[in-house]
Amino acid sequence: MIDPAQTALFLVVIVLTILLVVLGIQVFFILKELRKTLEKANKVLDDTSTITESVSKPISSLSSIAMGLKAGAKIAKILNTDKKHKKDE
């Protein structure tokens, strides 16, 4: 004869096995979705990097132009002061 405790233990083992299999499948799907999310986040970061580079290049060139103009203005000022000193003499 089958002992009732053995039957109950057998049923508990079956139920726990089914629950663990379902839980494992759910974890698999969660990890799959996490992978997709990380891929999308990586793409967004790559796009952000590209946009940042495309914005920084014109700003850098404008800065170089401004520095050139500033240096030119200093040279013009020096030349003008030299001309004024020569006229005064």
N, C-alpha and C. Protein backbone atom coordinates (compact mmCIF):
# COMPACT_ATOMS: atom_id res chain seq x y z
N MET A 1 0.83 -1.19 0.00
CA MET A 1 0.00 0.00 0.00
C MET A 1 0.86 1.24 0.00
N ILE A 2 0.29 2.26 -0.59
CA ILE A 2 1.01 3.53 -0.66
C ILE A 2 0.69 4.33 0.59
N ASP A 3 1.74 4.82 1.17
CA ASP A 3 1.61 5.63 2.38
C ASP A 3 1.10 7.02 2.00
N PRO A 4 0.15 7.61 2.75
CA PRO A 4 -0.36 8.94 2.42
C PRO A 4 0.73 10.01 2.49
N ALA A 5 1.70 9.85 3.36
CA ALA A 5 2.78 10.83 3.45
C ALA A 5 3.63 10.79 2.18
N GLN A 6 3.83 9.57 1.66
CA GLN A 6 4.59 9.43 0.42
C GLN A 6 3.85 10.07 -0.75
N THR A 7 2.55 9.90 -0.80
CA THR A 7 1.73 10.49 -1.85
C THR A 7 1.78 12.02 -1.78
N ALA A 8 1.64 12.55 -0.58
CA ALA A 8 1.67 14.00 -0.40
C ALA A 8 3.05 14.54 -0.81
N LEU A 9 4.10 13.85 -0.42
CA LEU A 9 5.46 14.27 -0.77
C LEU A 9 5.66 14.23 -2.29
N PHE A 10 5.15 13.20 -2.91
CA PHE A 10 5.24 13.07 -4.36
C PHE A 10 4.51 14.22 -5.07
N LEU A 11 3.32 14.56 -4.60
CA LEU A 11 2.56 15.67 -5.18
C LEU A 11 3.28 17.01 -4.99
N VAL A 12 3.87 17.19 -3.82
CA VAL A 12 4.60 18.43 -3.55
C VAL A 12 5.80 18.54 -4.48
N VAL A 13 6.51 17.45 -4.70
CA VAL A 13 7.66 17.45 -5.60
C VAL A 13 7.22 17.77 -7.02
N ILE A 14 6.11 17.22 -7.47
CA ILE A 14 5.61 17.49 -8.82
C ILE A 14 5.22 18.96 -8.95
N VAL A 15 4.50 19.49 -7.98
CA VAL A 15 4.07 20.89 -8.03
C VAL A 15 5.28 21.82 -8.03
N LEU A 16 6.25 21.55 -7.16
CA LEU A 16 7.45 22.38 -7.12
C LEU A 16 8.24 22.31 -8.42
N THR A 17 8.30 21.14 -9.02
CA THR A 17 9.00 20.99 -10.30
C THR A 17 8.32 21.82 -11.38
N ILE A 18 7.01 21.76 -11.44
CA ILE A 18 6.26 22.54 -12.43
C ILE A 18 6.48 24.04 -12.21
N LEU A 19 6.42 24.47 -10.94
CA LEU A 19 6.63 25.89 -10.64
C LEU A 19 8.03 26.34 -11.01
N LEU A 20 9.03 25.53 -10.74
CA LEU A 20 10.40 25.89 -11.09
C LEU A 20 10.60 25.95 -12.60
N VAL A 21 9.97 25.06 -13.34
CA VAL A 21 10.07 25.11 -14.80
C VAL A 21 9.42 26.39 -15.33
N VAL A 22 8.25 26.74 -14.83
CA VAL A 22 7.58 27.97 -15.25
C VAL A 22 8.42 29.19 -14.87
N LEU A 23 8.97 29.18 -13.68
CA LEU A 23 9.82 30.28 -13.24
C LEU A 23 11.07 30.41 -14.12
N GLY A 24 11.67 29.30 -14.47
CA GLY A 24 12.83 29.31 -15.36
C GLY A 24 12.51 29.89 -16.72
N ILE A 25 11.34 29.55 -17.26
CA ILE A 25 10.92 30.09 -18.55
C ILE A 25 10.71 31.60 -18.45
N GLN A 26 10.10 32.05 -17.36
CA GLN A 26 9.89 33.48 -17.16
C GLN A 26 11.21 34.23 -17.04
N VAL A 27 12.16 33.67 -16.33
CA VAL A 27 13.48 34.30 -16.20
C VAL A 27 14.15 34.37 -17.57
N PHE A 28 14.00 33.34 -18.37
CA PHE A 28 14.56 33.36 -19.73
C PHE A 28 13.99 34.51 -20.54
N PHE A 29 12.67 34.71 -20.49
CA PHE A 29 12.05 35.79 -21.24
C PHE A 29 12.47 37.16 -20.70
N ILE A 30 12.60 37.27 -19.38
CA ILE A 30 13.04 38.53 -18.79
C ILE A 30 14.46 38.87 -19.26
N LEU A 31 15.34 37.88 -19.26
CA LEU A 31 16.71 38.12 -19.71
C LEU A 31 16.77 38.46 -21.19
N LYS A 32 15.88 37.84 -21.98
CA LYS A 32 15.81 38.15 -23.40
C LYS A 32 15.38 39.60 -23.62
N GLU A 33 14.39 40.06 -22.87
CA GLU A 33 13.94 41.45 -22.97
C GLU A 33 15.02 42.41 -22.47
N LEU A 34 15.73 42.03 -21.44
CA LEU A 34 16.82 42.86 -20.93
C LEU A 34 17.91 43.03 -21.98
N ARG A 35 18.19 41.96 -22.69
CA ARG A 35 19.20 42.02 -23.77
C ARG A 35 18.76 42.99 -24.86
N LYS A 36 17.48 42.94 -25.25
CA LYS A 36 16.97 43.86 -26.28
C LYS A 36 17.04 45.30 -25.79
N THR A 37 16.70 45.51 -24.52
CA THR A 37 16.74 46.86 -23.95
C THR A 37 18.16 47.40 -23.93
N LEU A 38 19.12 46.57 -23.55
CA LEU A 38 20.51 47.00 -23.52
C LEU A 38 21.04 47.31 -24.92
N GLU A 39 20.60 46.53 -25.91
CA GLU A 39 21.01 46.81 -27.30
C GLU A 39 20.46 48.17 -27.75
N LYS A 40 19.20 48.46 -27.40
CA LYS A 40 18.62 49.75 -27.77
C LYS A 40 19.33 50.89 -27.06
N ALA A 41 19.64 50.71 -25.78
CA ALA A 41 20.35 51.75 -25.03
C ALA A 41 21.73 51.98 -25.63
N ASN A 42 22.39 50.93 -26.04
CA ASN A 42 23.71 51.05 -26.66
C ASN A 42 23.61 51.83 -27.97
N LYS A 43 22.56 51.56 -28.75
CA LYS A 43 22.36 52.28 -30.02
C LYS A 43 22.12 53.76 -29.75
N VAL A 44 21.34 54.06 -28.73
CA VAL A 44 21.06 55.46 -28.39
C VAL A 44 22.36 56.16 -27.98
N LEU A 45 23.19 55.49 -27.20
CA LEU A 45 24.46 56.08 -26.79
C LEU A 45 25.39 56.30 -27.98
N ASP A 46 25.40 55.37 -28.91
CA ASP A 46 26.21 55.54 -30.12
C ASP A 46 25.72 56.74 -30.94
N ASP A 47 24.39 56.86 -31.08
CA ASP A 47 23.82 57.99 -31.81
C ASP A 47 24.15 59.31 -31.11
N THR A 48 24.09 59.31 -29.79
CA THR A 48 24.42 60.51 -29.03
C THR A 48 25.87 60.91 -29.25
N SER A 49 26.74 59.92 -29.29
CA SER A 49 28.16 60.19 -29.54
C SER A 49 28.34 60.81 -30.92
N THR A 50 27.66 60.29 -31.92
CA THR A 50 27.76 60.83 -33.28
C THR A 50 27.25 62.26 -33.34
N ILE A 51 26.14 62.53 -32.69
CA ILE A 51 25.56 63.87 -32.69
C ILE A 51 26.50 64.84 -31.98
N THR A 52 27.06 64.40 -30.86
CA THR A 52 27.98 65.26 -30.11
C THR A 52 29.20 65.61 -30.95
N GLU A 53 29.73 64.63 -31.65
CA GLU A 53 30.88 64.90 -32.51
C GLU A 53 30.52 65.87 -33.63
N SER A 54 29.35 65.69 -34.24
CA SER A 54 28.96 66.56 -35.34
C SER A 54 28.70 67.99 -34.87
N VAL A 55 28.32 68.16 -33.61
CA VAL A 55 28.10 69.50 -33.08
C VAL A 55 29.42 70.13 -32.64
N SER A 56 30.32 69.32 -32.10
CA SER A 56 31.56 69.87 -31.56
C SER A 56 32.53 70.32 -32.66
N LYS A 57 32.50 69.70 -33.82
CA LYS A 57 33.41 70.09 -34.90
C LYS A 57 33.19 71.53 -35.36
N PRO A 58 31.95 71.94 -35.67
CA PRO A 58 31.75 73.35 -36.06
C PRO A 58 32.10 74.33 -34.94
N ILE A 59 31.79 73.97 -33.71
CA ILE A 59 32.11 74.85 -32.59
C ILE A 59 33.62 74.99 -32.45
N SER A 60 34.33 73.90 -32.65
CA SER A 60 35.79 73.95 -32.59
C SER A 60 36.35 74.83 -33.69
N SER A 61 35.80 74.73 -34.88
CA SER A 61 36.30 75.57 -35.98
C SER A 61 35.96 77.03 -35.74
N LEU A 62 34.79 77.30 -35.18
CA LEU A 62 34.43 78.68 -34.84
C LEU A 62 35.38 79.24 -33.78
N SER A 63 35.75 78.41 -32.84
CA SER A 63 36.69 78.84 -31.81
C SER A 63 38.05 79.16 -32.43
N SER A 64 38.47 78.33 -33.38
CA SER A 64 39.75 78.60 -34.06
C SER A 64 39.69 79.91 -34.84
N ILE A 65 38.59 80.16 -35.51
CA ILE A 65 38.43 81.41 -36.25
C ILE A 65 38.46 82.60 -35.29
N ALA A 66 37.77 82.47 -34.18
CA ALA A 66 37.73 83.56 -33.19
C ALA A 66 39.12 83.83 -32.64
N MET A 67 39.88 82.78 -32.36
CA MET A 67 41.26 82.96 -31.87
C MET A 67 42.12 83.63 -32.92
N GLY A 68 41.94 83.28 -34.19
CA GLY A 68 42.68 83.92 -35.28
C GLY A 68 42.35 85.39 -35.39
N LEU A 69 41.06 85.72 -35.29
CA LEU A 69 40.64 87.12 -35.35
C LEU A 69 41.19 87.91 -34.17
N LYS A 70 41.21 87.29 -33.01
CA LYS A 70 41.74 87.94 -31.82
C LYS A 70 43.24 88.22 -31.99
N ALA A 71 43.95 87.24 -32.51
CA ALA A 71 45.39 87.43 -32.75
C ALA A 71 45.60 88.52 -33.80
N GLY A 72 44.79 88.53 -34.84
CA GLY A 72 44.87 89.56 -35.87
C GLY A 72 44.59 90.94 -35.31
N ALA A 73 43.63 91.03 -34.42
CA ALA A 73 43.30 92.32 -33.79
C ALA A 73 44.48 92.80 -32.94
N LYS A 74 45.14 91.89 -32.24
CA LYS A 74 46.30 92.28 -31.43
C LYS A 74 47.42 92.79 -32.33
N ILE A 75 47.66 92.12 -33.44
CA ILE A 75 48.70 92.54 -34.38
C ILE A 75 48.35 93.92 -34.95
N ALA A 76 47.09 94.12 -35.32
CA ALA A 76 46.67 95.41 -35.87
C ALA A 76 46.84 96.51 -34.83
N LYS A 77 46.53 96.22 -33.59
CA LYS A 77 46.68 97.20 -32.52
C LYS A 77 48.15 97.57 -32.34
N ILE A 78 49.02 96.56 -32.37
CA ILE A 78 50.46 96.81 -32.23
C ILE A 78 50.96 97.67 -33.39
N LEU A 79 50.51 97.35 -34.61
CA LEU A 79 50.93 98.12 -35.78
C LEU A 79 50.42 99.56 -35.71
N ASN A 80 49.20 99.74 -35.23
CA ASN A 80 48.64 101.09 -35.11
C ASN A 80 49.39 101.90 -34.07
N THR A 81 49.75 101.26 -32.96
CA THR A 81 50.49 102.02 -31.93
C THR A 81 51.88 102.38 -32.44
N ASP A 82 52.49 101.52 -33.24
CA ASP A 82 53.80 101.84 -33.83
C ASP A 82 53.68 103.02 -34.79
N LYS A 83 52.63 103.07 -35.60
CA LYS A 83 52.40 104.19 -36.53
C LYS A 83 52.19 105.50 -35.78
N LYS A 84 51.45 105.44 -34.66
CA LYS A 84 51.20 106.64 -33.88
C LYS A 84 52.49 107.15 -33.27
N HIS A 85 53.34 106.26 -32.78
CA HIS A 85 54.60 106.67 -32.19
C HIS A 85 55.50 107.31 -33.27
N LYS A 86 55.50 106.79 -34.47
CA LYS A 86 56.31 107.34 -35.55
C LYS A 86 55.81 108.72 -35.95
N LYS A 87 54.50 108.94 -35.95
CA LYS A 87 53.93 110.25 -36.31
C LYS A 87 54.27 111.28 -35.24
N ASP A 88 54.26 110.87 -33.98
CA ASP A 88 54.56 111.78 -32.89
C ASP A 88 56.01 112.23 -32.92
N GLU A 89 56.88 111.38 -33.41
CA GLU A 89 58.31 111.71 -33.44
C GLU A 89 58.57 112.61 -34.56
